[in-house]
Protein backbone atom coordinates (compact mmCIF):
# COMPACT_ATOMS: atom_id res chain seq x y z
CA UNK A 1 13.51 47.79 -24.74
CA UNK A 2 12.44 44.91 -26.87
CA UNK A 3 12.08 42.67 -23.81
CA UNK A 4 9.61 45.09 -22.30
CA UNK A 5 6.74 43.63 -24.54
CA UNK A 6 7.22 40.34 -22.87
CA UNK A 7 7.21 41.63 -19.24
CA UNK A 8 3.90 42.74 -17.78
CA UNK A 9 4.09 46.31 -16.32
CA UNK A 10 3.40 45.17 -12.77
CA UNK A 11 6.31 42.66 -13.05
CA UNK A 12 8.99 45.19 -14.40
CA UNK A 13 10.71 45.60 -11.12
CA UNK A 14 10.95 41.84 -10.61
CA UNK A 15 11.97 41.41 -14.29
CA UNK A 16 15.17 43.42 -13.59
CA UNK A 17 16.22 40.85 -11.02
CA UNK A 18 15.15 37.91 -13.30
CA UNK A 19 17.53 39.19 -15.93
CA UNK A 20 20.33 39.63 -13.48
CA UNK A 21 19.86 36.03 -12.22
CA UNK A 22 19.57 34.86 -15.89
CA UNK A 23 22.92 36.27 -16.65
CA UNK A 24 24.47 34.91 -13.52
CA UNK A 25 23.26 31.27 -13.86
CA UNK A 26 22.30 30.71 -17.50
CA UNK A 27 23.88 33.17 -19.97
CA UNK A 28 27.43 32.78 -18.71
CA UNK A 29 30.15 34.69 -20.43
CA UNK A 30 32.54 31.68 -20.94
CA UNK A 31 29.98 28.83 -21.36
CA UNK A 32 26.43 29.98 -21.86
CA UNK A 33 23.71 27.42 -21.40
CA UNK A 34 21.88 28.07 -24.59
CA UNK A 35 20.15 24.78 -24.76
CA UNK A 36 18.53 25.41 -21.35
CA UNK A 37 17.76 29.08 -22.00
CA UNK A 38 14.09 30.22 -22.09
CA UNK A 39 15.08 33.30 -23.99
CA UNK A 40 17.03 31.69 -26.80
CA UNK A 41 14.36 32.43 -29.35
CA UNK A 42 14.98 36.15 -28.59
CA UNK A 43 18.77 36.15 -28.34
CA UNK A 44 20.78 37.64 -31.19
CA UNK A 45 23.98 35.91 -29.99
CA UNK A 46 22.89 32.28 -29.89
CA UNK A 47 23.85 31.61 -33.54
CA UNK A 48 27.39 33.06 -32.86
CA UNK A 49 27.85 30.96 -29.84
CA UNK A 50 26.77 27.75 -31.45
CA UNK A 51 29.03 28.40 -34.44
CA UNK A 52 32.06 28.95 -32.33
CA UNK A 53 31.29 25.90 -30.22
CA UNK A 54 31.02 23.66 -33.39
CA UNK A 55 34.26 25.12 -34.75
CA UNK A 56 36.03 24.44 -31.54
CA UNK A 57 34.68 20.88 -31.32
CA UNK A 58 35.80 20.20 -34.89
CA UNK A 59 39.36 21.36 -34.00
CA UNK A 60 39.55 19.24 -30.85
CA UNK A 61 37.89 16.25 -32.44
CA UNK A 62 38.42 16.35 -36.23
CA UNK A 63 36.18 14.02 -38.34
CA UNK A 64 37.82 10.81 -39.49
CA UNK A 65 37.37 9.75 -43.16
CA UNK A 66 36.02 6.29 -43.44
CA UNK A 67 35.54 5.39 -47.21
CA UNK A 68 33.47 8.10 -48.69
CA UNK A 69 32.00 9.21 -45.40
CA UNK A 70 33.18 11.05 -42.35
CA UNK A 71 32.95 9.78 -38.78
CA UNK A 72 32.49 12.39 -36.11
CA UNK A 73 34.39 11.46 -32.94
């Protein structure tokens, strides 16, 4: 219902299809394209996805300590 304030009344029917296509091509379950998403500022899940993605990258490519600093690979 929160999205209704962003969709004009005459476009609600088309908005339904826009959201279906958005889910099919942008907000993918396994790898959402948050950086390309036009609705990212409204999305409650974007922070969760980015946090998980960073944790995964740190596990796959752990930082290397160089002196007192860390080098991200």
